[in-house]
Amino acid sequence: MTAIPAQRSIRPSVLYFGTPAALLATVNPDGRSNRSPISSVWSLADRLVLGLGLDGQAWLNLQRHAECVLNLPSARQWPQVERLARATGRAEVPAAKQAMGYVHVSDKFALAGLQRAQAELVQAERAAECPLQVEARLASPLSADQVQAANARGFAIVELQILRVHAHEDITVPGSQHVDTQAWQPLIYLFRHYCSTSLPMAANFRAEQPLTTTFAQEAST
């Protein structure tokens, strides 16, 4: 029988137990794209759910313009994400953010060193270097009650409908619609540290693209 390690109750300040780091592009009032690093995102079917702070430009933009692009960087692109960590698109930086060292940056693409790419179905721009780029729009318009609820709890929960997914060819399986899990190494945000994924261990029974025999053997050793 496997020995169970000793345990204790803890109260971590955050519970980022391994979520994707992403760059959310939203549309500023002047029509230019803002770029916001986020780490609260999950997907199911054709839906994305985001968690957003209320003092960032992304939340303000989505209330006014319902479309966006979620750009998913690779693990090696963590420096570009970190360059944006203290940048905000809000011209008037909220006091709480000022205290943490945030500064206003109008062109976050330039700050991160990312190239703009035109989206096909939305106005917000894609980050060409990110291996996965997801065009999306709000699943339904934000109501006054939803905004009020977000203000009450201190953060917003936003549901998006996926419209189109762009992928670099080198992370896809040729001749298919699948992402190659052996080639795609997303940037993971783990308790406020940038991490990569390890080699896949095995394929779930519902996986459409099984691991190769050689790769599965390497992962199990």
Protein backbone atom coordinates (compact mmCIF):
# COMPACT_ATOMS: atom_id res chain seq x y z
CA MET A 1 0.00 0.00 0.00
CA THR A 2 1.28 3.45 -0.91
CA ALA A 3 2.17 5.61 2.07
CA ILE A 4 0.16 8.83 2.27
CA PRO A 5 2.35 11.92 2.88
CA ALA A 6 1.71 14.10 5.92
CA GLN A 7 -0.85 16.83 5.23
CA ARG A 8 -1.84 20.21 6.59
CA SER A 9 -4.41 22.89 5.86
CA ILE A 10 -3.10 25.99 4.09
CA ARG A 11 -4.50 29.37 3.02
CA PRO A 12 -2.61 30.39 -0.15
CA SER A 13 -3.05 33.99 -1.28
CA VAL A 14 -3.81 32.73 -4.80
CA LEU A 15 -4.83 29.36 -6.18
CA TYR A 16 -3.22 29.38 -9.61
CA PHE A 17 -2.60 25.65 -9.47
CA GLY A 18 -1.63 25.47 -13.12
CA THR A 19 -3.55 27.57 -15.62
CA PRO A 20 -2.60 28.89 -19.06
CA ALA A 21 -1.02 32.31 -19.30
CA ALA A 22 -2.67 34.25 -22.11
CA LEU A 23 -2.62 37.66 -23.74
CA LEU A 24 -6.12 39.05 -24.15
CA ALA A 25 -6.56 41.58 -26.95
CA THR A 26 -9.52 43.94 -26.57
CA VAL A 27 -10.48 47.10 -28.42
CA ASN A 28 -9.66 50.49 -26.88
CA PRO A 29 -11.97 53.49 -27.36
CA ASP A 30 -9.61 54.80 -30.08
CA GLY A 31 -9.95 51.51 -32.02
CA ARG A 32 -6.46 50.24 -31.22
CA SER A 33 -5.92 46.87 -29.56
CA ASN A 34 -5.02 46.60 -25.91
CA ARG A 35 -3.05 43.59 -24.71
CA SER A 36 -3.69 42.22 -21.20
CA PRO A 37 -1.87 39.29 -19.58
CA ILE A 38 -4.41 37.02 -17.87
CA SER A 39 -4.19 33.66 -16.16
CA SER A 40 -7.79 32.80 -15.29
CA VAL A 41 -9.16 31.09 -18.38
CA TRP A 42 -10.77 27.75 -19.21
CA SER A 43 -12.67 26.38 -22.16
CA LEU A 44 -15.47 23.92 -22.86
CA ALA A 45 -16.87 23.14 -26.31
CA ASP A 46 -17.19 26.50 -28.10
CA ARG A 47 -17.03 28.58 -24.91
CA LEU A 48 -14.24 30.38 -23.08
CA VAL A 49 -14.63 31.63 -19.52
CA LEU A 50 -12.33 34.40 -18.31
CA GLY A 51 -11.71 35.89 -14.91
CA LEU A 52 -10.79 39.58 -15.08
CA GLY A 53 -9.81 42.25 -12.59
CA LEU A 54 -12.01 45.32 -12.53
CA ASP A 55 -9.20 47.87 -12.56
CA GLY A 56 -7.77 46.84 -15.94
CA GLN A 57 -8.57 48.19 -19.40
CA ALA A 58 -9.76 44.81 -20.68
CA TRP A 59 -12.87 44.82 -18.48
CA LEU A 60 -13.75 48.36 -19.55
CA ASN A 61 -13.19 47.48 -23.21
CA LEU A 62 -15.38 44.37 -23.14
CA GLN A 63 -18.26 46.33 -21.65
CA ARG A 64 -18.12 48.65 -24.66
CA HIS A 65 -16.92 46.31 -27.45
CA ALA A 66 -17.95 42.66 -27.23
CA GLU A 67 -15.13 41.12 -29.31
CA CYS A 68 -11.60 40.03 -28.44
CA VAL A 69 -8.72 37.69 -29.26
CA LEU A 70 -7.18 35.29 -26.75
CA ASN A 71 -3.53 34.71 -27.66
CA LEU A 72 -1.80 31.71 -26.08
CA PRO A 73 2.00 32.03 -25.95
CA SER A 74 4.47 29.18 -25.83
CA ALA A 75 6.52 28.54 -22.71
CA ARG A 76 9.60 30.14 -24.23
CA GLN A 77 7.70 33.40 -24.72
CA TRP A 78 7.42 34.11 -21.00
CA PRO A 79 9.71 37.19 -21.21
CA GLN A 80 7.26 38.88 -23.58
CA VAL A 81 4.40 38.19 -21.18
CA GLU A 82 6.37 39.47 -18.21
CA ARG A 83 7.19 42.71 -20.03
CA LEU A 84 3.48 43.48 -19.85
CA ALA A 85 3.10 42.50 -16.20
CA ARG A 86 3.31 46.07 -14.84
CA ALA A 87 1.71 47.77 -17.82
CA THR A 88 -1.89 48.93 -17.95
CA GLY A 89 -3.90 50.35 -20.81
CA ARG A 90 -5.77 52.68 -18.47
CA ALA A 91 -4.61 56.26 -18.96
CA GLU A 92 -5.48 57.03 -15.35
CA VAL A 93 -3.76 54.27 -13.39
CA PRO A 94 -5.89 53.21 -10.40
CA ALA A 95 -4.28 53.96 -7.03
CA ALA A 96 -4.05 50.28 -6.09
CA LYS A 97 -2.13 49.56 -9.29
CA GLN A 98 0.11 52.58 -8.84
CA ALA A 99 1.09 51.21 -5.44
CA MET A 100 2.17 47.95 -7.11
CA GLY A 101 4.28 49.78 -9.67
CA TYR A 102 1.94 49.70 -12.66
CA VAL A 103 2.42 52.32 -15.38
CA HIS A 104 0.28 53.34 -18.34
CA VAL A 105 1.46 52.00 -21.72
CA SER A 106 -0.52 52.86 -24.83
CA ASP A 107 1.20 50.44 -27.23
CA LYS A 108 1.55 47.10 -25.49
CA PHE A 109 2.35 45.29 -28.73
CA ALA A 110 5.54 47.32 -29.03
CA LEU A 111 6.38 46.87 -25.34
CA ALA A 112 6.07 43.09 -25.61
CA GLY A 113 7.87 42.96 -28.95
CA LEU A 114 4.93 41.29 -30.69
CA GLN A 115 3.76 41.72 -34.26
CA ARG A 116 0.16 42.68 -34.97
CA ALA A 117 -1.89 40.38 -37.19
CA GLN A 118 -5.34 41.21 -38.50
CA ALA A 119 -8.11 39.02 -37.15
CA GLU A 120 -10.65 37.63 -39.59
CA LEU A 121 -13.91 37.96 -37.68
CA VAL A 122 -13.25 40.54 -34.96
CA GLN A 123 -11.65 43.96 -34.72
CA ALA A 124 -9.11 43.13 -32.01
CA GLU A 125 -5.70 42.18 -33.38
CA ARG A 126 -3.91 38.87 -33.03
CA ALA A 127 -0.34 38.44 -31.75
CA ALA A 128 1.34 36.74 -34.70
CA GLU A 129 4.07 35.05 -32.65
CA CYS A 130 1.66 33.24 -30.32
CA PRO A 131 1.17 29.65 -31.54
CA LEU A 132 -2.58 29.68 -30.76
CA GLN A 133 -4.89 32.66 -31.32
CA VAL A 134 -8.60 32.46 -30.57
CA GLU A 135 -11.06 34.99 -31.95
CA ALA A 136 -14.13 35.32 -29.72
CA ARG A 137 -17.03 37.52 -28.72
CA LEU A 138 -19.20 37.79 -25.64
CA ALA A 139 -21.70 34.94 -25.51
CA SER A 140 -24.32 37.54 -24.56
CA PRO A 141 -24.18 41.30 -23.94
CA LEU A 142 -23.12 42.31 -20.45
CA SER A 143 -26.14 43.47 -18.51
CA ALA A 144 -26.20 46.14 -15.82
CA ASP A 145 -26.86 43.38 -13.27
CA GLN A 146 -23.73 41.47 -14.37
CA VAL A 147 -21.59 44.60 -14.08
CA GLN A 148 -23.08 45.31 -10.65
CA ALA A 149 -22.39 41.73 -9.53
CA ALA A 150 -18.80 41.99 -10.71
CA ASN A 151 -18.33 45.21 -8.77
CA ALA A 152 -19.77 43.57 -5.66
CA ARG A 153 -17.42 40.59 -5.70
CA GLY A 154 -14.35 42.49 -6.93
CA PHE A 155 -13.77 40.65 -10.22
CA ALA A 156 -15.60 39.79 -13.42
CA ILE A 157 -16.46 36.39 -14.86
CA VAL A 158 -16.92 36.65 -18.62
CA GLU A 159 -18.27 33.99 -20.99
CA LEU A 160 -17.11 34.13 -24.61
CA GLN A 161 -18.12 32.24 -27.73
CA ILE A 162 -15.21 30.94 -29.80
CA LEU A 163 -15.42 32.12 -33.41
CA ARG A 164 -12.16 30.99 -34.98
CA VAL A 165 -8.90 29.36 -33.89
CA HIS A 166 -5.58 30.07 -35.61
CA ALA A 167 -2.60 27.77 -35.03
CA HIS A 168 1.01 27.72 -36.15
CA GLU A 169 1.41 24.78 -38.50
CA ASP A 170 4.34 23.37 -36.53
CA ILE A 171 2.10 22.62 -33.52
CA THR A 172 -0.60 20.86 -35.54
CA VAL A 173 -0.87 17.28 -36.76
CA PRO A 174 -0.51 17.34 -40.57
CA GLY A 175 -3.68 16.45 -42.44
CA SER A 176 -5.89 16.91 -39.37
CA GLN A 177 -7.59 19.54 -37.23
CA HIS A 178 -5.64 18.50 -34.12
CA VAL A 179 -3.03 20.29 -32.04
CA ASP A 180 0.06 18.13 -31.62
CA THR A 181 0.47 17.75 -27.85
CA GLN A 182 4.03 16.61 -28.35
CA ALA A 183 4.94 19.84 -30.14
CA TRP A 184 2.77 22.37 -28.29
CA GLN A 185 4.30 23.56 -25.02
CA PRO A 186 2.01 26.29 -23.62
CA LEU A 187 3.07 28.79 -21.00
CA ILE A 188 1.60 27.77 -17.63
CA TYR A 189 1.07 30.16 -14.73
CA LEU A 190 1.68 28.19 -11.54
CA PHE A 191 1.37 30.07 -8.23
CA ARG A 192 2.64 33.23 -9.95
CA HIS A 193 5.58 31.46 -11.59
CA TYR A 194 6.00 30.89 -15.32
CA CYS A 195 6.29 27.19 -16.11
CA SER A 196 6.16 24.82 -19.03
CA THR A 197 4.33 21.55 -19.39
CA SER A 198 6.20 18.29 -19.05
CA LEU A 199 6.05 15.54 -21.63
CA PRO A 200 2.55 14.05 -21.91
CA MET A 201 2.23 10.90 -19.81
CA ALA A 202 -0.68 9.19 -21.56
CA ALA A 203 -3.76 9.82 -23.69
CA ASN A 204 -7.28 9.90 -22.22
CA PHE A 205 -9.67 7.35 -23.76
CA ARG A 206 -11.47 10.19 -25.55
CA ALA A 207 -8.32 11.61 -27.15
CA GLU A 208 -8.62 11.85 -30.92
CA GLN A 209 -4.86 11.83 -31.40
CA PRO A 210 -3.09 9.12 -29.35
CA LEU A 211 0.53 9.42 -28.31
CA THR A 212 3.08 7.67 -30.48
CA THR A 213 4.45 4.45 -29.00
CA THR A 214 7.99 5.82 -28.80
CA PHE A 215 6.86 9.02 -27.11
CA ALA A 216 4.66 7.22 -24.61
CA GLN A 217 7.56 4.96 -23.66
CA GLU A 218 9.84 7.96 -23.13
CA ALA A 219 7.23 9.70 -20.98
CA SER A 220 6.82 6.69 -18.72
CA THR A 221 10.52 6.24 -18.01
